[in-house]
């Protein structure tokens, strides 16, 4: 969703690909905004649960690589959001290109974060 409008400028206004249940009947641009907002909310709520679980177990929060990757991800999401304020300025092309590459980096961080979370989950299930 993030790269499609970048590679095909007219794609932002087109209905997103895939079955109707998956694209929610939204255009590429609208679906991108909806999914990223939902992603931020889910990660925020997950962070609250993770902090409580870590505190209950008496483990140090700041020493966890899972915590570090979460904070890096939140920082990247904040940078992404701030870049969107530059989309209607004279530097729009640079802001959009930076947003696209930073978005890919953000997704990589969150996949790594999910991997670390699964490792933690498997560790606690033993």
N, C-alpha and C. Protein backbone atom coordinates (compact mmCIF):
# COMPACT_ATOMS: atom_id res chain seq x y z
N UNK A 1 0.82 -1.22 0.00
CA UNK A 1 0.00 0.00 0.00
C UNK A 1 0.84 1.25 0.00
N UNK A 2 1.95 1.23 0.70
CA UNK A 2 2.78 2.42 0.78
C UNK A 2 3.54 2.69 -0.50
N UNK A 3 4.01 1.64 -1.17
CA UNK A 3 4.81 1.84 -2.37
C UNK A 3 3.98 1.96 -3.64
N UNK A 4 2.79 1.39 -3.65
CA UNK A 4 1.98 1.40 -4.89
C UNK A 4 1.73 2.83 -5.40
N UNK A 5 1.24 3.75 -4.56
CA UNK A 5 1.05 5.12 -5.06
C UNK A 5 2.36 5.80 -5.42
N UNK A 6 3.44 5.37 -4.82
CA UNK A 6 4.76 5.95 -5.10
C UNK A 6 5.23 5.53 -6.50
N UNK A 7 5.01 4.26 -6.82
CA UNK A 7 5.46 3.74 -8.11
C UNK A 7 4.47 4.03 -9.23
N UNK A 8 3.18 4.13 -8.88
CA UNK A 8 2.13 4.44 -9.85
C UNK A 8 1.33 5.62 -9.31
N UNK A 9 1.69 6.86 -9.70
CA UNK A 9 1.06 8.05 -9.12
C UNK A 9 -0.47 8.07 -9.16
N UNK A 10 -1.09 7.45 -10.12
CA UNK A 10 -2.55 7.44 -10.19
C UNK A 10 -3.19 6.39 -9.30
N UNK A 11 -2.38 5.54 -8.67
CA UNK A 11 -2.92 4.42 -7.89
C UNK A 11 -3.53 4.84 -6.56
N UNK A 12 -3.15 6.00 -6.04
CA UNK A 12 -3.66 6.42 -4.72
C UNK A 12 -5.17 6.56 -4.73
N UNK A 13 -5.74 6.95 -5.84
CA UNK A 13 -7.18 7.12 -5.93
C UNK A 13 -7.93 5.89 -6.38
N UNK A 14 -7.21 4.83 -6.75
CA UNK A 14 -7.85 3.59 -7.21
C UNK A 14 -8.26 2.74 -6.02
N UNK A 15 -9.27 1.92 -6.22
CA UNK A 15 -9.69 0.98 -5.19
C UNK A 15 -8.54 0.01 -4.93
N UNK A 16 -8.25 -0.22 -3.66
CA UNK A 16 -7.14 -1.10 -3.29
C UNK A 16 -7.40 -2.50 -3.83
N UNK A 17 -6.33 -3.21 -4.16
CA UNK A 17 -6.45 -4.55 -4.71
C UNK A 17 -6.90 -5.56 -3.68
N UNK A 18 -7.24 -6.72 -4.13
CA UNK A 18 -7.66 -7.79 -3.23
C UNK A 18 -9.16 -7.87 -3.11
N UNK A 19 -9.63 -8.87 -2.36
CA UNK A 19 -11.07 -9.05 -2.19
C UNK A 19 -11.68 -7.90 -1.39
N UNK A 20 -12.97 -7.70 -1.55
CA UNK A 20 -13.66 -6.57 -0.90
C UNK A 20 -13.54 -6.61 0.62
N UNK A 21 -13.53 -7.81 1.20
CA UNK A 21 -13.42 -7.88 2.66
C UNK A 21 -12.05 -7.43 3.14
N UNK A 22 -11.02 -7.55 2.28
CA UNK A 22 -9.67 -7.18 2.68
C UNK A 22 -9.38 -5.70 2.47
N UNK A 23 -9.94 -5.12 1.41
CA UNK A 23 -9.63 -3.71 1.15
C UNK A 23 -10.65 -2.76 1.75
N UNK A 24 -11.67 -3.31 2.40
CA UNK A 24 -12.69 -2.51 3.08
C UNK A 24 -13.41 -1.52 2.16
N UNK A 25 -13.30 -1.75 0.86
CA UNK A 25 -13.95 -0.86 -0.11
C UNK A 25 -13.29 0.51 -0.18
N UNK A 26 -12.03 0.60 0.20
CA UNK A 26 -11.32 1.88 0.25
C UNK A 26 -10.29 1.98 -0.87
N UNK A 27 -9.91 3.20 -1.17
CA UNK A 27 -8.84 3.42 -2.14
C UNK A 27 -7.51 3.11 -1.47
N UNK A 28 -6.45 2.99 -2.28
CA UNK A 28 -5.12 2.71 -1.75
C UNK A 28 -4.72 3.73 -0.68
N UNK A 29 -4.91 5.00 -0.97
CA UNK A 29 -4.53 6.05 -0.03
C UNK A 29 -5.32 5.99 1.27
N UNK A 30 -6.64 5.78 1.16
CA UNK A 30 -7.48 5.72 2.36
C UNK A 30 -7.19 4.47 3.18
N UNK A 31 -6.96 3.35 2.51
CA UNK A 31 -6.68 2.11 3.21
C UNK A 31 -5.34 2.21 3.95
N UNK A 32 -4.36 2.86 3.33
CA UNK A 32 -3.05 3.07 3.96
C UNK A 32 -3.22 3.85 5.27
N UNK A 33 -3.98 4.93 5.22
CA UNK A 33 -4.22 5.73 6.43
C UNK A 33 -4.95 4.93 7.49
N UNK A 34 -5.97 4.18 7.10
CA UNK A 34 -6.75 3.39 8.05
C UNK A 34 -5.89 2.31 8.71
N UNK A 35 -5.13 1.57 7.91
CA UNK A 35 -4.31 0.50 8.45
C UNK A 35 -3.18 1.02 9.34
N UNK A 36 -2.58 2.13 8.97
CA UNK A 36 -1.50 2.67 9.79
C UNK A 36 -2.03 3.23 11.12
N UNK A 37 -3.21 3.82 11.09
CA UNK A 37 -3.84 4.27 12.33
C UNK A 37 -4.17 3.09 13.23
N UNK A 38 -4.70 2.02 12.64
CA UNK A 38 -5.01 0.81 13.41
C UNK A 38 -3.74 0.17 13.95
N UNK A 39 -2.69 0.18 13.15
CA UNK A 39 -1.41 -0.38 13.58
C UNK A 39 -0.88 0.38 14.79
N UNK A 40 -0.92 1.70 14.74
CA UNK A 40 -0.44 2.50 15.86
C UNK A 40 -1.25 2.22 17.12
N UNK A 41 -2.57 2.12 16.97
CA UNK A 41 -3.43 1.86 18.13
C UNK A 41 -3.15 0.47 18.72
N UNK A 42 -3.04 -0.53 17.88
CA UNK A 42 -2.77 -1.89 18.36
C UNK A 42 -1.43 -1.96 19.06
N UNK A 43 -0.41 -1.32 18.50
CA UNK A 43 0.91 -1.34 19.14
C UNK A 43 0.90 -0.58 20.45
N UNK A 44 0.15 0.52 20.51
CA UNK A 44 0.05 1.28 21.76
C UNK A 44 -0.62 0.44 22.84
N UNK A 45 -1.72 -0.22 22.50
CA UNK A 45 -2.41 -1.06 23.47
C UNK A 45 -1.55 -2.26 23.87
N UNK A 46 -0.86 -2.84 22.91
CA UNK A 46 0.04 -3.96 23.20
C UNK A 46 1.18 -3.55 24.11
N UNK A 47 1.68 -2.34 23.92
CA UNK A 47 2.76 -1.85 24.78
C UNK A 47 2.29 -1.74 26.22
N UNK A 48 1.07 -1.29 26.43
CA UNK A 48 0.54 -1.20 27.80
C UNK A 48 0.50 -2.58 28.45
N UNK A 49 0.00 -3.56 27.73
CA UNK A 49 -0.05 -4.92 28.26
C UNK A 49 1.34 -5.49 28.52
N UNK A 50 2.25 -5.22 27.61
CA UNK A 50 3.62 -5.71 27.77
C UNK A 50 4.32 -5.10 28.97
N UNK A 51 4.10 -3.81 29.19
CA UNK A 51 4.70 -3.16 30.35
C UNK A 51 4.17 -3.74 31.65
N UNK A 52 2.86 -3.93 31.71
CA UNK A 52 2.25 -4.50 32.92
C UNK A 52 2.79 -5.91 33.17
N UNK A 53 2.84 -6.73 32.13
CA UNK A 53 3.33 -8.11 32.27
C UNK A 53 4.78 -8.12 32.76
N UNK A 54 5.60 -7.25 32.19
CA UNK A 54 7.00 -7.20 32.59
C UNK A 54 7.14 -6.74 34.04
N UNK A 55 6.36 -5.74 34.45
CA UNK A 55 6.42 -5.25 35.82
C UNK A 55 5.94 -6.30 36.81
N UNK A 56 4.88 -7.01 36.47
CA UNK A 56 4.34 -8.06 37.35
C UNK A 56 5.37 -9.16 37.56
N UNK A 57 6.13 -9.46 36.52
CA UNK A 57 7.14 -10.51 36.61
C UNK A 57 8.43 -10.02 37.28
N UNK A 58 8.49 -8.73 37.59
CA UNK A 58 9.66 -8.18 38.27
C UNK A 58 10.89 -8.09 37.40
N UNK A 59 10.72 -8.03 36.11
CA UNK A 59 11.86 -7.94 35.19
C UNK A 59 12.15 -6.48 34.86
N UNK A 60 13.41 -6.16 34.60
CA UNK A 60 13.74 -4.78 34.22
C UNK A 60 13.26 -4.46 32.80
N UNK A 61 12.50 -3.42 32.65
CA UNK A 61 11.90 -3.07 31.37
C UNK A 61 12.94 -2.61 30.36
N UNK A 62 13.81 -1.70 30.80
CA UNK A 62 14.74 -1.05 29.87
C UNK A 62 15.80 -2.00 29.31
N UNK A 63 15.99 -3.15 29.90
CA UNK A 63 17.01 -4.09 29.43
C UNK A 63 16.48 -5.06 28.39
N UNK A 64 15.20 -5.01 28.11
CA UNK A 64 14.59 -5.94 27.17
C UNK A 64 14.79 -5.45 25.73
N UNK A 65 15.26 -6.35 24.87
CA UNK A 65 15.41 -5.99 23.45
C UNK A 65 14.03 -5.80 22.81
N UNK A 66 13.03 -6.47 23.35
CA UNK A 66 11.66 -6.30 22.85
C UNK A 66 11.18 -4.87 23.14
N UNK A 67 11.48 -4.36 24.32
CA UNK A 67 11.13 -2.98 24.68
C UNK A 67 11.88 -2.00 23.78
N UNK A 68 13.17 -2.26 23.57
CA UNK A 68 13.98 -1.37 22.74
C UNK A 68 13.45 -1.31 21.31
N UNK A 69 13.08 -2.47 20.77
CA UNK A 69 12.55 -2.48 19.40
C UNK A 69 11.19 -1.78 19.34
N UNK A 70 10.40 -1.88 20.41
CA UNK A 70 9.10 -1.20 20.45
C UNK A 70 9.29 0.31 20.45
N UNK A 71 10.23 0.80 21.25
CA UNK A 71 10.48 2.24 21.32
C UNK A 71 11.04 2.76 19.99
N UNK A 72 11.89 1.96 19.36
CA UNK A 72 12.40 2.34 18.03
C UNK A 72 11.24 2.42 17.04
N UNK A 73 10.34 1.45 17.12
CA UNK A 73 9.17 1.45 16.23
C UNK A 73 8.26 2.65 16.46
N UNK A 74 8.01 2.97 17.73
CA UNK A 74 7.18 4.15 18.02
C UNK A 74 7.85 5.43 17.54
N UNK A 75 9.16 5.50 17.69
CA UNK A 75 9.90 6.67 17.19
C UNK A 75 9.78 6.80 15.68
N UNK A 76 9.89 5.67 14.99
CA UNK A 76 9.75 5.68 13.53
C UNK A 76 8.33 6.06 13.11
N UNK A 77 7.32 5.55 13.84
CA UNK A 77 5.94 5.93 13.53
C UNK A 77 5.72 7.43 13.72
N UNK A 78 6.32 7.99 14.77
CA UNK A 78 6.20 9.43 15.01
C UNK A 78 6.89 10.22 13.89
N UNK A 79 8.05 9.75 13.46
CA UNK A 79 8.75 10.41 12.35
C UNK A 79 7.92 10.33 11.07
N UNK A 80 7.30 9.16 10.84
CA UNK A 80 6.44 8.99 9.67
C UNK A 80 5.28 9.99 9.70
N UNK A 81 4.65 10.09 10.86
CA UNK A 81 3.51 11.00 10.99
C UNK A 81 3.94 12.45 10.77
N UNK A 82 5.10 12.81 11.29
CA UNK A 82 5.55 14.20 11.12
C UNK A 82 5.89 14.50 9.67
N UNK A 83 6.35 13.50 8.95
CA UNK A 83 6.67 13.71 7.52
C UNK A 83 5.42 14.04 6.70
N UNK A 84 4.28 13.52 7.10
CA UNK A 84 3.07 13.77 6.32
C UNK A 84 2.67 15.24 6.34
N UNK A 85 3.14 15.99 7.33
CA UNK A 85 2.84 17.43 7.37
C UNK A 85 3.59 18.18 6.28
N UNK A 86 4.58 17.57 5.68
CA UNK A 86 5.38 18.21 4.62
C UNK A 86 4.88 17.85 3.22
N UNK A 87 3.83 17.05 3.13
CA UNK A 87 3.36 16.58 1.83
C UNK A 87 2.78 17.67 0.94
N UNK A 88 2.38 18.79 1.50
CA UNK A 88 1.78 19.85 0.70
C UNK A 88 2.68 21.09 0.63
N UNK A 89 3.97 20.90 0.86
CA UNK A 89 4.92 22.01 0.80
C UNK A 89 5.76 21.90 -0.46
N UNK A 90 6.71 22.82 -0.59
CA UNK A 90 7.59 22.78 -1.76
C UNK A 90 8.55 21.59 -1.72
N UNK A 91 8.72 20.99 -0.54
CA UNK A 91 9.59 19.82 -0.40
C UNK A 91 8.79 18.52 -0.39
N UNK A 92 7.63 18.51 -0.99
CA UNK A 92 6.75 17.35 -0.95
C UNK A 92 7.39 16.09 -1.54
N UNK A 93 8.08 16.23 -2.64
CA UNK A 93 8.68 15.05 -3.28
C UNK A 93 9.71 14.39 -2.36
N UNK A 94 10.53 15.20 -1.74
CA UNK A 94 11.53 14.67 -0.81
C UNK A 94 10.87 14.04 0.40
N UNK A 95 9.85 14.69 0.93
CA UNK A 95 9.14 14.17 2.10
C UNK A 95 8.47 12.84 1.77
N UNK A 96 7.86 12.73 0.60
CA UNK A 96 7.19 11.49 0.22
C UNK A 96 8.19 10.35 0.00
N UNK A 97 9.32 10.66 -0.60
CA UNK A 97 10.35 9.64 -0.80
C UNK A 97 10.91 9.17 0.54
N UNK A 98 11.19 10.11 1.42
CA UNK A 98 11.68 9.77 2.75
C UNK A 98 10.65 8.94 3.50
N UNK A 99 9.37 9.32 3.39
CA UNK A 99 8.27 8.60 4.04
C UNK A 99 8.20 7.16 3.53
N UNK A 100 8.40 6.97 2.23
CA UNK A 100 8.32 5.63 1.65
C UNK A 100 9.46 4.74 2.18
N UNK A 101 10.68 5.24 2.16
CA UNK A 101 11.81 4.44 2.64
C UNK A 101 11.74 4.23 4.15
N UNK A 102 11.37 5.26 4.88
CA UNK A 102 11.25 5.13 6.33
C UNK A 102 10.12 4.18 6.69
N UNK A 103 9.06 4.15 5.88
CA UNK A 103 7.97 3.21 6.10
C UNK A 103 8.44 1.77 5.96
N UNK A 104 9.30 1.51 4.99
CA UNK A 104 9.86 0.16 4.83
C UNK A 104 10.72 -0.20 6.03
N UNK A 105 11.51 0.76 6.51
CA UNK A 105 12.35 0.52 7.70
C UNK A 105 11.47 0.27 8.92
N UNK A 106 10.38 1.02 9.04
CA UNK A 106 9.47 0.84 10.17
C UNK A 106 8.87 -0.56 10.16
N UNK A 107 8.45 -1.02 9.01
CA UNK A 107 7.88 -2.36 8.92
C UNK A 107 8.94 -3.42 9.28
N UNK A 108 10.18 -3.22 8.85
CA UNK A 108 11.25 -4.16 9.19
C UNK A 108 11.46 -4.20 10.71
N UNK A 109 11.44 -3.04 11.36
CA UNK A 109 11.60 -2.98 12.81
C UNK A 109 10.44 -3.72 13.49
N UNK A 110 9.22 -3.53 13.00
CA UNK A 110 8.08 -4.19 13.64
C UNK A 110 8.05 -5.69 13.37
N UNK A 111 8.56 -6.15 12.25
CA UNK A 111 8.67 -7.60 12.05
C UNK A 111 9.71 -8.18 13.01
N UNK A 112 10.82 -7.47 13.20
CA UNK A 112 11.82 -7.89 14.17
C UNK A 112 11.22 -7.87 15.58
N UNK A 113 10.43 -6.84 15.87
CA UNK A 113 9.76 -6.73 17.16
C UNK A 113 8.81 -7.91 17.39
N UNK A 114 8.09 -8.29 16.36
CA UNK A 114 7.18 -9.45 16.47
C UNK A 114 7.98 -10.73 16.73
N UNK A 115 9.10 -10.88 16.07
CA UNK A 115 9.97 -12.04 16.29
C UNK A 115 10.42 -12.09 17.75
N UNK A 116 10.86 -10.94 18.28
CA UNK A 116 11.28 -10.90 19.67
C UNK A 116 10.11 -11.20 20.62
N UNK A 117 8.93 -10.72 20.28
CA UNK A 117 7.75 -11.00 21.09
C UNK A 117 7.40 -12.47 21.10
N UNK A 118 7.52 -13.11 19.97
CA UNK A 118 7.26 -14.56 19.91
C UNK A 118 8.29 -15.33 20.74
N UNK A 119 9.55 -14.89 20.68
CA UNK A 119 10.58 -15.53 21.50
C UNK A 119 10.22 -15.40 22.98
N UNK A 120 9.78 -14.23 23.40
CA UNK A 120 9.39 -14.02 24.78
C UNK A 120 8.20 -14.92 25.15
N UNK A 121 7.23 -14.98 24.28
CA UNK A 121 6.05 -15.81 24.53
C UNK A 121 6.41 -17.27 24.69
N UNK A 122 7.28 -17.77 23.82
CA UNK A 122 7.70 -19.17 23.91
C UNK A 122 8.52 -19.41 25.18
N UNK A 123 9.28 -18.42 25.59
CA UNK A 123 10.08 -18.52 26.81
C UNK A 123 9.17 -18.66 28.04
N UNK A 124 8.08 -17.89 28.05
CA UNK A 124 7.17 -17.94 29.20
C UNK A 124 6.26 -19.16 29.18
N UNK A 125 6.11 -19.79 28.04
CA UNK A 125 5.20 -20.94 27.97
C UNK A 125 5.89 -22.24 28.42
N UNK A 126 7.17 -22.19 28.70
CA UNK A 126 7.89 -23.41 29.12
C UNK A 126 7.60 -23.75 30.56
